[in-house]
Each structure stands twice: as C-alpha cells, then as structure tokens.
Amino acid sequence: MIYKVEETHLTIAHIKRIYEEAVMHIALTKEIQIDLSAVKKVDSSGIATVISWWQHAGHQGVKCTFVYSPVVKEAFSSYHLKLPEDPKET
C-alpha cells in the first residue's frame, strides 16, 4: 500500500492530522510505503513524526518504507539522523 502525504508542510501546524492518517493506513496493511515527495517544508515535529511512523509500523509488524523529498532528506541530515532506506535508491 502507498500512502502519499499530499500536505507540503510536515510541520507542527499540520502534524496531528497527517500523523493520524498514516497510522490508519498502517493499520490496514502488512507493507506500506509512505510517500513524502511532495513535502517542501519540515520542522522537528515532522522529523519526529517520520520516526514515529517507522517505529509504530515496526511494532505492528508492518514493513514500512519511505520516499523522501530533498527537503526531508536535508532536514534529517541537519540533525545527523539516518533515514530509513529510500526504495528508489536501491
């Protein structure tokens, strides 16, 4: 299953709805790709949300992969965090 985040801002102002939508999708499948390619702005709450999705999926036994926009990749890099593998780069 692919869940595409249509919101361009993965920030505190939008995070609750985005987080809940992804969690609902995770509950419906055994494998999910969360597509963040449309994200143009991300803050620390957005980074925390991506990590939370990954952890939540793992606890549910769901394989979770991500497609990242350059902005999301840069945000993780600026915090010296390692991203889960980008399936488009394998």
N, C-alpha and C. Protein backbone atom coordinates (compact mmCIF):
# COMPACT_ATOMS: atom_id res chain seq x y z
N MET A 1 0.85 -1.17 0.00
CA MET A 1 0.00 0.00 0.00
C MET A 1 0.90 1.24 0.00
N ILE A 2 0.48 2.24 -0.73
CA ILE A 2 1.19 3.52 -0.75
C ILE A 2 0.31 4.57 -0.10
N TYR A 3 0.88 5.28 0.86
CA TYR A 3 0.20 6.42 1.46
C TYR A 3 0.99 7.66 1.06
N LYS A 4 0.38 8.50 0.23
CA LYS A 4 1.06 9.72 -0.22
C LYS A 4 0.61 10.89 0.65
N VAL A 5 1.59 11.53 1.27
CA VAL A 5 1.32 12.73 2.06
C VAL A 5 1.19 13.88 1.07
N GLU A 6 -0.01 14.40 0.92
CA GLU A 6 -0.27 15.48 -0.04
C GLU A 6 0.10 16.85 0.54
N GLU A 7 0.09 16.95 1.86
CA GLU A 7 0.43 18.21 2.53
C GLU A 7 1.89 18.56 2.24
N THR A 8 2.14 19.81 1.88
CA THR A 8 3.51 20.22 1.56
C THR A 8 4.30 20.65 2.79
N HIS A 9 3.62 20.82 3.92
CA HIS A 9 4.29 21.24 5.15
C HIS A 9 4.15 20.15 6.22
N LEU A 10 5.24 19.50 6.52
CA LEU A 10 5.27 18.49 7.58
C LEU A 10 5.76 19.23 8.84
N THR A 11 4.85 20.07 9.37
CA THR A 11 5.19 20.96 10.48
C THR A 11 4.14 20.84 11.58
N ILE A 12 4.46 21.43 12.72
CA ILE A 12 3.61 21.34 13.90
C ILE A 12 2.16 21.74 13.60
N ALA A 13 1.96 22.69 12.73
CA ALA A 13 0.61 23.17 12.42
C ALA A 13 -0.26 22.11 11.74
N HIS A 14 0.36 21.15 11.07
CA HIS A 14 -0.40 20.16 10.30
C HIS A 14 -0.19 18.72 10.78
N ILE A 15 0.69 18.52 11.73
CA ILE A 15 1.19 17.19 12.03
C ILE A 15 0.14 16.22 12.58
N LYS A 16 -0.77 16.68 13.42
CA LYS A 16 -1.72 15.77 14.06
C LYS A 16 -2.55 15.02 13.02
N ARG A 17 -3.12 15.75 12.08
CA ARG A 17 -3.96 15.12 11.05
C ARG A 17 -3.13 14.18 10.17
N ILE A 18 -1.96 14.63 9.75
CA ILE A 18 -1.10 13.82 8.89
C ILE A 18 -0.68 12.54 9.60
N TYR A 19 -0.28 12.68 10.86
CA TYR A 19 0.13 11.52 11.64
C TYR A 19 -0.99 10.50 11.74
N GLU A 20 -2.18 10.96 12.11
CA GLU A 20 -3.31 10.06 12.29
C GLU A 20 -3.71 9.36 10.99
N GLU A 21 -3.66 10.07 9.87
CA GLU A 21 -3.99 9.45 8.58
C GLU A 21 -3.03 8.31 8.27
N ALA A 22 -1.75 8.54 8.47
CA ALA A 22 -0.76 7.50 8.18
C ALA A 22 -0.93 6.30 9.11
N VAL A 23 -1.18 6.55 10.39
CA VAL A 23 -1.39 5.45 11.34
C VAL A 23 -2.59 4.60 10.92
N MET A 24 -3.66 5.23 10.45
CA MET A 24 -4.82 4.47 9.97
C MET A 24 -4.43 3.59 8.78
N HIS A 25 -3.61 4.12 7.87
CA HIS A 25 -3.18 3.32 6.72
C HIS A 25 -2.27 2.17 7.16
N ILE A 26 -1.40 2.42 8.12
CA ILE A 26 -0.52 1.37 8.63
C ILE A 26 -1.35 0.22 9.20
N ALA A 27 -2.44 0.54 9.86
CA ALA A 27 -3.29 -0.48 10.47
C ALA A 27 -3.97 -1.38 9.45
N LEU A 28 -4.04 -0.94 8.20
CA LEU A 28 -4.78 -1.68 7.16
C LEU A 28 -3.93 -2.63 6.33
N THR A 29 -2.62 -2.69 6.60
CA THR A 29 -1.76 -3.43 5.69
C THR A 29 -0.60 -4.10 6.42
N LYS A 30 0.14 -4.91 5.70
CA LYS A 30 1.36 -5.53 6.23
C LYS A 30 2.61 -4.91 5.62
N GLU A 31 2.40 -4.06 4.62
CA GLU A 31 3.53 -3.38 3.97
C GLU A 31 3.04 -2.03 3.47
N ILE A 32 3.79 -0.98 3.81
CA ILE A 32 3.37 0.37 3.41
C ILE A 32 4.57 1.18 2.95
N GLN A 33 4.33 1.99 1.96
CA GLN A 33 5.31 2.98 1.52
C GLN A 33 4.68 4.34 1.79
N ILE A 34 5.35 5.14 2.61
CA ILE A 34 4.87 6.49 2.90
C ILE A 34 5.64 7.44 2.01
N ASP A 35 4.90 8.09 1.12
CA ASP A 35 5.49 8.96 0.10
C ASP A 35 5.48 10.41 0.59
N LEU A 36 6.66 10.92 0.87
CA LEU A 36 6.83 12.29 1.34
C LEU A 36 7.41 13.19 0.25
N SER A 37 7.29 12.78 -0.99
CA SER A 37 7.93 13.52 -2.09
C SER A 37 7.35 14.91 -2.31
N ALA A 38 6.13 15.16 -1.84
CA ALA A 38 5.51 16.49 -2.02
C ALA A 38 5.89 17.47 -0.91
N VAL A 39 6.56 17.00 0.12
CA VAL A 39 6.88 17.85 1.28
C VAL A 39 7.94 18.88 0.90
N LYS A 40 7.60 20.15 1.15
CA LYS A 40 8.50 21.26 0.83
C LYS A 40 9.06 21.94 2.08
N LYS A 41 8.45 21.66 3.24
CA LYS A 41 8.91 22.25 4.49
C LYS A 41 8.71 21.23 5.60
N VAL A 42 9.73 21.10 6.45
CA VAL A 42 9.65 20.16 7.57
C VAL A 42 10.34 20.80 8.78
N ASP A 43 9.75 20.56 9.95
CA ASP A 43 10.38 21.03 11.18
C ASP A 43 10.66 19.81 12.07
N SER A 44 11.10 20.05 13.29
CA SER A 44 11.46 18.93 14.17
C SER A 44 10.27 18.03 14.48
N SER A 45 9.06 18.59 14.52
CA SER A 45 7.89 17.74 14.76
C SER A 45 7.64 16.82 13.56
N GLY A 46 7.96 17.28 12.36
CA GLY A 46 7.85 16.44 11.17
C GLY A 46 8.84 15.30 11.20
N ILE A 47 10.06 15.59 11.62
CA ILE A 47 11.07 14.54 11.74
C ILE A 47 10.64 13.52 12.78
N ALA A 48 10.16 14.00 13.92
CA ALA A 48 9.69 13.10 14.98
C ALA A 48 8.54 12.22 14.48
N THR A 49 7.69 12.78 13.64
CA THR A 49 6.56 12.03 13.10
C THR A 49 7.02 10.91 12.18
N VAL A 50 7.98 11.18 11.31
CA VAL A 50 8.51 10.15 10.42
C VAL A 50 9.09 9.00 11.25
N ILE A 51 9.87 9.34 12.26
CA ILE A 51 10.46 8.31 13.13
C ILE A 51 9.35 7.54 13.85
N SER A 52 8.33 8.25 14.30
CA SER A 52 7.22 7.61 15.00
C SER A 52 6.46 6.64 14.10
N TRP A 53 6.22 7.04 12.83
CA TRP A 53 5.57 6.13 11.88
C TRP A 53 6.38 4.85 11.71
N TRP A 54 7.67 5.02 11.55
CA TRP A 54 8.56 3.88 11.34
C TRP A 54 8.50 2.94 12.55
N GLN A 55 8.57 3.51 13.75
CA GLN A 55 8.50 2.71 14.97
C GLN A 55 7.13 2.05 15.12
N HIS A 56 6.08 2.81 14.89
CA HIS A 56 4.72 2.27 15.01
C HIS A 56 4.52 1.09 14.05
N ALA A 57 4.94 1.27 12.82
CA ALA A 57 4.81 0.20 11.84
C ALA A 57 5.57 -1.04 12.30
N GLY A 58 6.78 -0.84 12.78
CA GLY A 58 7.57 -1.98 13.26
C GLY A 58 6.90 -2.72 14.40
N HIS A 59 6.32 -1.98 15.33
CA HIS A 59 5.62 -2.60 16.46
C HIS A 59 4.38 -3.36 15.99
N GLN A 60 3.80 -2.95 14.87
CA GLN A 60 2.61 -3.62 14.32
C GLN A 60 2.98 -4.75 13.36
N GLY A 61 4.28 -4.95 13.13
CA GLY A 61 4.72 -5.99 12.20
C GLY A 61 4.55 -5.59 10.75
N VAL A 62 4.50 -4.29 10.48
CA VAL A 62 4.29 -3.77 9.13
C VAL A 62 5.63 -3.30 8.57
N LYS A 63 5.96 -3.77 7.36
CA LYS A 63 7.16 -3.28 6.68
C LYS A 63 6.88 -1.87 6.18
N CYS A 64 7.71 -0.93 6.57
CA CYS A 64 7.48 0.48 6.24
C CYS A 64 8.69 1.06 5.52
N THR A 65 8.44 1.59 4.33
CA THR A 65 9.48 2.29 3.58
C THR A 65 8.98 3.69 3.27
N PHE A 66 9.91 4.53 2.87
CA PHE A 66 9.60 5.93 2.61
C PHE A 66 10.16 6.38 1.28
N VAL A 67 9.49 7.34 0.67
CA VAL A 67 10.01 8.11 -0.46
C VAL A 67 10.13 9.53 0.07
N TYR A 68 11.34 10.07 -0.01
CA TYR A 68 11.61 11.38 0.61
C TYR A 68 11.79 12.47 -0.43
N SER A 69 11.33 13.65 -0.10
CA SER A 69 11.65 14.82 -0.90
C SER A 69 13.06 15.27 -0.49
N PRO A 70 13.73 16.05 -1.33
CA PRO A 70 15.05 16.57 -0.95
C PRO A 70 15.00 17.36 0.36
N VAL A 71 13.91 18.05 0.62
CA VAL A 71 13.78 18.84 1.84
C VAL A 71 13.78 17.94 3.07
N VAL A 72 13.08 16.82 3.00
CA VAL A 72 13.04 15.89 4.13
C VAL A 72 14.42 15.28 4.34
N LYS A 73 15.08 14.90 3.27
CA LYS A 73 16.43 14.35 3.39
C LYS A 73 17.37 15.36 4.05
N GLU A 74 17.29 16.61 3.64
CA GLU A 74 18.15 17.65 4.20
C GLU A 74 17.85 17.88 5.68
N ALA A 75 16.57 17.84 6.05
CA ALA A 75 16.20 18.03 7.46
C ALA A 75 16.80 16.93 8.33
N PHE A 76 16.70 15.68 7.89
CA PHE A 76 17.29 14.59 8.66
C PHE A 76 18.80 14.75 8.74
N SER A 77 19.40 15.12 7.64
CA SER A 77 20.85 15.32 7.60
C SER A 77 21.29 16.41 8.57
N SER A 78 20.53 17.49 8.63
CA SER A 78 20.91 18.61 9.50
C SER A 78 20.86 18.22 10.98
N TYR A 79 20.07 17.21 11.32
CA TYR A 79 20.01 16.70 12.69
C TYR A 79 20.92 15.47 12.88
N HIS A 80 21.69 15.14 11.84
CA HIS A 80 22.61 13.99 11.87
C HIS A 80 21.87 12.69 12.15
N LEU A 81 20.69 12.55 11.53
CA LEU A 81 19.88 11.35 11.67
C LEU A 81 19.94 10.54 10.39
N LYS A 82 19.92 9.23 10.54
CA LYS A 82 19.93 8.34 9.39
C LYS A 82 18.48 8.04 8.98
N LEU A 83 18.21 8.18 7.71
CA LEU A 83 16.89 7.87 7.16
C LEU A 83 16.75 6.38 6.93
N PRO A 84 15.52 5.86 7.08
CA PRO A 84 15.28 4.50 6.57
C PRO A 84 15.59 4.50 5.07
N GLU A 85 15.95 3.37 4.53
CA GLU A 85 16.35 3.27 3.13
C GLU A 85 15.28 3.79 2.18
N ASP A 86 15.69 4.59 1.22
CA ASP A 86 14.79 5.11 0.19
C ASP A 86 14.67 4.04 -0.89
N PRO A 87 13.47 3.48 -1.12
CA PRO A 87 13.33 2.38 -2.09
C PRO A 87 13.70 2.78 -3.50
N LYS A 88 13.66 4.05 -3.85
CA LYS A 88 14.02 4.48 -5.21
C LYS A 88 15.52 4.48 -5.44
N GLU A 89 16.31 4.37 -4.36
CA GLU A 89 17.77 4.42 -4.48
C GLU A 89 18.40 3.04 -4.41
N THR A 90 17.61 1.98 -4.29
CA THR A 90 18.17 0.63 -4.20
C THR A 90 18.30 -0.01 -5.53
